[in-house]
Protein backbone atom coordinates (compact mmCIF):
# COMPACT_ATOMS: atom_id res chain seq x y z
CA MET A 1 64.89 79.96 126.09
CA ASP A 2 66.64 76.82 124.78
CA ASP A 3 66.29 78.01 121.18
CA GLU A 4 67.81 81.38 122.03
CA LEU A 5 70.71 79.76 123.89
CA HIS A 6 71.28 77.36 121.00
CA TYR A 7 71.27 80.29 118.54
CA LEU A 8 73.79 82.26 120.61
CA ARG A 9 76.09 79.22 120.95
CA GLU A 10 75.97 78.55 117.20
CA LYS A 11 76.63 82.20 116.43
CA LYS A 12 79.63 82.31 118.77
CA LYS A 13 80.93 79.01 117.39
CA LYS A 14 80.71 80.37 113.84
CA GLU A 15 82.56 83.57 114.83
CA LEU A 16 85.33 81.56 116.51
CA MET A 17 85.69 79.24 113.53
CA GLU A 18 85.94 82.22 111.17
CA ALA A 19 88.58 83.81 113.39
CA ILE A 20 90.58 80.58 113.50
CA GLU A 21 90.33 80.12 109.72
CA SER A 22 91.34 83.72 109.12
CA HIS A 23 94.31 83.38 111.43
CA LYS A 24 95.48 80.19 109.71
CA LYS A 25 95.48 81.93 106.34
CA ALA A 26 97.35 84.97 107.62
CA VAL A 27 100.82 83.65 106.82
CA ILE A 28 103.54 85.40 104.87
CA VAL A 29 104.95 83.02 102.25
CA HIS A 30 108.69 82.77 101.59
CA VAL A 31 109.25 83.49 97.88
CA ASP A 32 112.39 82.44 96.04
CA GLU A 33 113.55 81.68 92.52
CA LYS A 34 112.51 78.04 92.85
CA ASN A 35 108.92 78.49 94.05
CA PHE A 36 107.94 81.80 92.43
CA LEU A 37 106.12 80.43 89.37
CA GLN A 38 104.20 77.89 91.42
CA LEU A 39 103.15 80.53 93.96
CA ILE A 40 101.79 83.01 91.42
CA ALA A 41 99.98 80.14 89.69
CA ILE A 42 98.14 78.93 92.81
CA HIS A 43 97.46 82.32 94.42
CA PRO A 44 95.31 84.51 92.16
CA LYS A 45 95.90 87.64 94.26
CA PHE A 46 99.52 87.62 95.37
CA VAL A 47 101.58 90.49 96.80
CA ILE A 48 105.36 90.11 97.07
CA ASP A 49 107.54 92.40 99.17
CA PHE A 50 111.08 92.47 97.73
CA TRP A 51 113.48 93.39 100.53
CA ALA A 52 116.96 92.88 102.05
CA GLU A 53 118.30 92.54 105.60
CA TRP A 54 120.43 95.69 105.40
CA CYS A 55 117.61 97.89 104.03
CA GLY A 56 116.28 100.38 106.58
CA PRO A 57 113.13 101.32 104.61
CA CYS A 58 112.40 97.59 104.20
CA LYS A 59 112.30 97.28 107.97
CA MET A 60 109.72 100.08 108.05
CA VAL A 61 107.51 98.28 105.49
CA ALA A 62 107.75 94.82 107.12
CA PRO A 63 105.18 95.46 109.90
CA ILE A 64 102.81 96.99 107.34
CA ILE A 65 103.01 93.84 105.21
CA GLU A 66 102.37 91.74 108.34
CA LYS A 67 99.29 93.83 109.20
CA CYS A 68 97.98 93.64 105.63
CA THR A 69 98.48 89.87 105.73
CA SER A 70 96.04 89.72 108.63
CA ASP A 71 93.68 92.39 107.33
CA PHE A 72 93.31 90.74 103.90
CA ALA A 73 93.51 87.11 105.06
CA GLY A 74 91.53 84.81 102.83
CA LYS A 75 91.42 87.43 100.05
CA VAL A 76 95.07 88.15 99.20
CA THR A 77 98.23 86.10 99.74
CA PHE A 78 101.40 87.91 100.83
CA GLY A 79 104.99 86.86 100.32
CA LYS A 80 108.47 88.18 100.93
CA CYS A 81 111.49 87.77 98.68
CA ASN A 82 115.01 88.56 99.83
CA THR A 83 116.69 90.26 96.86
CA ASP A 84 120.21 89.37 98.05
CA GLN A 85 119.32 85.67 98.00
CA ASN A 86 117.27 85.86 94.79
CA PRO A 87 119.01 88.33 92.46
CA ARG A 88 117.72 86.75 89.24
CA LEU A 89 114.11 87.08 90.38
CA ALA A 90 114.67 90.72 91.34
CA SER A 91 116.38 91.34 88.00
CA ARG A 92 113.53 89.68 86.11
CA PHE A 93 111.22 92.46 87.32
CA GLY A 94 113.76 95.27 87.00
CA ILE A 95 113.95 95.82 90.73
CA SER A 96 116.75 98.30 91.36
CA ALA A 97 115.38 99.90 94.54
CA ILE A 98 113.93 98.27 97.62
CA PRO A 99 111.50 97.89 99.13
CA THR A 100 109.53 97.13 95.99
CA ILE A 101 106.11 95.56 96.32
CA LEU A 102 104.76 93.68 93.31
CA PHE A 103 101.06 92.87 92.91
CA PHE A 104 100.18 89.81 90.83
CA LEU A 105 96.69 89.11 89.57
CA ASP A 106 96.02 85.71 88.00
CA GLY A 107 99.75 85.15 87.49
CA GLN A 108 100.40 88.50 85.80
CA LEU A 109 102.11 91.57 87.21
CA ALA A 110 99.30 94.08 87.80
CA ASN A 111 100.89 96.85 89.89
CA ARG A 112 104.01 97.87 91.78
CA VAL A 113 104.96 100.20 94.61
CA ILE A 114 108.57 101.29 94.94
CA GLY A 115 109.71 102.70 98.27
CA ALA A 116 108.55 102.80 101.87
CA TYR A 117 105.01 104.14 102.01
CA PRO A 118 102.60 104.34 104.93
CA GLU A 119 100.03 101.63 105.56
CA THR A 120 97.19 103.71 104.09
CA VAL A 121 98.94 104.03 100.72
CA ILE A 122 99.80 100.32 100.52
CA LYS A 123 96.27 99.31 101.51
CA LYS A 124 94.80 101.64 98.87
CA GLN A 125 96.99 99.97 96.25
CA ILE A 126 95.85 96.50 97.37
CA VAL A 127 92.19 97.53 97.27
CA ALA A 128 92.56 99.21 93.88
CA THR A 129 94.58 96.41 92.28
CA TYR A 130 92.27 93.62 93.38
CA GLY A 131 88.93 95.43 93.40
CA LEU A 132 88.37 94.77 97.10
CA GLN A 133 86.25 96.63 99.61
CA SER A 134 88.32 98.86 101.87
């Protein structure tokens, strides 16, 4: 009986620790012209949502990015870059329409999605770009 209780406690403790760790990693990073190079260097799988305050479609994509941040916590890092505040960075990647989502793999641009797409489409792109399980 004591062994079974000990096993159940350890199992629950492990589940809680994993949930806490996952939650800690589920943070959207602020990306700007100053920190961009450092961020893509330290995060091998990095997704950046280029957006602006006035952009209606960007507001539709924002909750999807937040959900993906939680769903892929510990596997993919997510960031947001305001194009109005960082025009040179947006120009560097030829961003002329927002929202634009860029997918970086090991510091290199690997994929992009232009426009407001549903969660299923964005998740498929994440899975395909990074070779993850869906």
